[in-house]
């Protein structure tokens, strides 16, 4: 995240930049949330994939105990296709579930047309965030609602 007198911008992992010009900013709030746009959908899909993959592996294991393992055979190599697909389902399900519970601090920037979320780096701690906010307030004159940090400090 980068802040200047002209606006606030973020460069994401794909190399695309999200920039909000200063004249469009109506309100800035510090928030703590996940990057996931639709957490319920991610949770439902992740839980479903994880559950179906685990049940499928259990069925395959019980079938293999009796000698009925399902696989695709070729001249060169035997590939157990169904167990590989089930492990892949479990991996994707876990990845979706972990993504929901990985929250970060970010600015919730309200403009006339939309609301943008610009995230801090994953490694940013509270002291760095406070210093960044002080710099934004004193150097560039931004007003930022930091009530979430005050609530956090009150609970400690």
Protein backbone atom coordinates (compact mmCIF):
# COMPACT_ATOMS: atom_id res chain seq x y z
CA UNK A 1 0.00 0.00 0.00
CA UNK A 2 1.19 3.45 -0.86
CA UNK A 3 -0.22 6.81 0.16
CA UNK A 4 0.51 10.24 -1.22
CA UNK A 5 -1.06 13.65 -1.56
CA UNK A 6 -2.72 12.56 -4.81
CA UNK A 7 -4.29 9.31 -3.61
CA UNK A 8 -4.03 5.86 -2.08
CA UNK A 9 -2.91 2.86 -4.14
CA UNK A 10 -2.22 -0.84 -3.76
CA UNK A 11 -0.26 -3.17 -6.01
CA UNK A 12 -1.58 -6.72 -5.75
CA UNK A 13 0.19 -10.01 -6.45
CA UNK A 14 -0.95 -10.02 -10.11
CA UNK A 15 0.72 -6.68 -10.76
CA UNK A 16 -2.47 -4.66 -11.16
CA UNK A 17 -2.80 -1.46 -9.22
CA UNK A 18 -5.89 -0.18 -7.44
CA UNK A 19 -5.74 3.57 -7.05
CA UNK A 20 -8.25 5.87 -5.38
CA UNK A 21 -7.64 9.57 -6.16
CA UNK A 22 -7.74 11.86 -3.14
CA UNK A 23 -10.56 14.03 -4.49
CA UNK A 24 -12.87 10.97 -4.68
CA UNK A 25 -12.25 9.86 -1.07
CA UNK A 26 -15.20 10.57 1.21
CA UNK A 27 -14.34 8.42 4.21
CA UNK A 28 -11.51 6.06 5.22
CA UNK A 29 -11.97 3.42 7.90
CA UNK A 30 -9.40 0.94 9.17
CA UNK A 31 -10.94 -2.51 9.15
CA UNK A 32 -9.95 -6.13 9.84
CA UNK A 33 -11.46 -8.69 7.50
CA UNK A 34 -10.72 -11.44 5.01
CA UNK A 35 -9.93 -10.82 1.33
CA UNK A 36 -12.74 -13.17 0.35
CA UNK A 37 -15.59 -11.40 -1.45
CA UNK A 38 -18.22 -14.05 -0.61
CA UNK A 39 -17.13 -15.88 2.56
CA UNK A 40 -20.30 -17.98 2.82
CA UNK A 41 -19.86 -19.35 -0.71
CA UNK A 42 -16.20 -20.13 -0.04
CA UNK A 43 -17.10 -21.81 3.24
CA UNK A 44 -19.91 -23.87 1.71
CA UNK A 45 -17.86 -24.93 -1.33
CA UNK A 46 -14.73 -25.65 0.73
CA UNK A 47 -16.62 -27.67 3.34
CA UNK A 48 -18.48 -29.61 0.63
CA UNK A 49 -15.31 -30.45 -1.31
CA UNK A 50 -13.50 -31.46 1.87
CA UNK A 51 -16.35 -33.66 3.07
CA UNK A 52 -16.98 -35.34 -0.29
CA UNK A 53 -13.27 -35.92 -0.84
CA UNK A 54 -12.81 -37.46 2.62
CA UNK A 55 -15.89 -39.67 2.24
CA UNK A 56 -14.72 -40.75 -1.22
CA UNK A 57 -11.29 -41.66 0.11
CA UNK A 58 -12.90 -43.65 2.90
CA UNK A 59 -15.01 -45.57 0.38
CA UNK A 60 -11.96 -46.20 -1.83
CA UNK A 61 -9.99 -47.41 1.19
CA UNK A 62 -12.76 -49.77 2.27
CA UNK A 63 -13.12 -51.05 -1.32
CA UNK A 64 -9.37 -51.60 -1.64
CA UNK A 65 -9.34 -53.71 1.49
CA UNK A 66 -11.54 -56.16 -0.41
CA UNK A 67 -9.39 -55.90 -3.57
CA UNK A 68 -11.60 -53.64 -5.65
CA UNK A 69 -9.38 -50.55 -6.19
CA UNK A 70 -10.56 -48.56 -9.22
CA UNK A 71 -7.78 -47.33 -11.51
CA UNK A 72 -6.95 -46.58 -15.14
CA UNK A 73 -4.40 -48.98 -16.61
CA UNK A 74 -2.01 -48.42 -19.49
CA UNK A 75 1.03 -50.23 -20.87
CA UNK A 76 3.47 -47.98 -19.09
CA UNK A 77 1.95 -46.86 -15.83
CA UNK A 78 -1.05 -47.40 -13.65
CA UNK A 79 -2.70 -44.19 -12.45
CA UNK A 80 -5.19 -44.34 -9.58
CA UNK A 81 -7.34 -41.60 -11.06
CA UNK A 82 -10.18 -41.47 -8.56
CA UNK A 83 -7.97 -41.21 -5.42
CA UNK A 84 -5.92 -38.47 -7.08
CA UNK A 85 -9.12 -36.53 -7.86
CA UNK A 86 -10.36 -37.02 -4.28
CA UNK A 87 -7.07 -35.77 -2.80
CA UNK A 88 -7.30 -32.79 -5.14
CA UNK A 89 -10.84 -32.08 -3.87
CA UNK A 90 -9.60 -32.24 -0.28
CA UNK A 91 -6.73 -29.85 -1.06
CA UNK A 92 -8.96 -27.31 -2.78
CA UNK A 93 -11.51 -27.55 0.05
CA UNK A 94 -8.84 -26.90 2.68
CA UNK A 95 -7.43 -24.02 0.65
CA UNK A 96 -10.87 -22.38 0.44
CA UNK A 97 -11.50 -22.84 4.17
CA UNK A 98 -8.10 -21.46 5.18
CA UNK A 99 -8.67 -18.42 2.95
CA UNK A 100 -11.78 -17.51 4.91
CA UNK A 101 -10.06 -17.47 8.28
CA UNK A 102 -6.97 -15.53 7.14
CA UNK A 103 -7.89 -11.92 7.90
CA UNK A 104 -5.81 -8.77 7.39
CA UNK A 105 -6.00 -5.08 8.20
CA UNK A 106 -7.16 -2.90 5.33
CA UNK A 107 -8.56 0.51 4.52
CA UNK A 108 -12.22 0.62 3.63
CA UNK A 109 -12.34 3.66 1.34
CA UNK A 110 -15.76 5.07 0.53
CA UNK A 111 -16.14 7.19 -2.57
CA UNK A 112 -19.23 8.63 -4.24
CA UNK A 113 -19.59 5.63 -6.55
CA UNK A 114 -18.18 2.62 -4.71
CA UNK A 115 -16.35 1.23 -1.70
CA UNK A 116 -12.79 -0.02 -2.17
CA UNK A 117 -10.78 -2.27 0.09
CA UNK A 118 -7.01 -1.68 0.04
CA UNK A 119 -5.09 -4.21 2.12
CA UNK A 120 -1.88 -3.91 4.09
CA UNK A 121 0.81 -6.51 3.57
CA UNK A 122 0.37 -9.80 5.42
CA UNK A 123 3.44 -9.11 7.53
CA UNK A 124 2.30 -5.67 8.71
CA UNK A 125 1.96 -5.44 12.48
CA UNK A 126 -0.05 -2.93 14.50
CA UNK A 127 2.92 -0.63 15.17
CA UNK A 128 3.64 -0.33 11.43
CA UNK A 129 -0.03 0.33 10.72
CA UNK A 130 -0.20 3.06 13.39
CA UNK A 131 2.93 4.69 11.95
CA UNK A 132 1.47 4.53 8.43
CA UNK A 133 -1.78 6.12 9.62
CA UNK A 134 0.08 8.90 11.51
CA UNK A 135 2.06 9.66 8.35
CA UNK A 136 -1.15 9.76 6.28
CA UNK A 137 -2.79 12.12 8.76
CA UNK A 138 0.12 14.51 9.40
CA UNK A 139 1.87 14.55 6.01
CA UNK A 140 -1.13 14.34 3.68
CA UNK A 141 -4.12 15.39 5.80
CA UNK A 142 -6.21 12.25 5.48
CA UNK A 143 -8.82 11.61 8.18
CA UNK A 144 -8.89 7.91 9.05
CA UNK A 145 -11.27 6.23 11.48
CA UNK A 146 -9.11 3.94 13.66
CA UNK A 147 -11.75 2.94 16.19
CA UNK A 148 -10.94 -0.74 15.60
CA UNK A 149 -7.44 -0.20 17.04
CA UNK A 150 -8.89 1.57 20.07
CA UNK A 151 -11.27 -1.36 20.66
CA UNK A 152 -8.38 -3.79 20.30
CA UNK A 153 -6.23 -1.83 22.75
CA UNK A 154 -9.14 -1.67 25.22
CA UNK A 155 -9.54 -5.46 25.15
CA UNK A 156 -5.85 -6.11 25.85
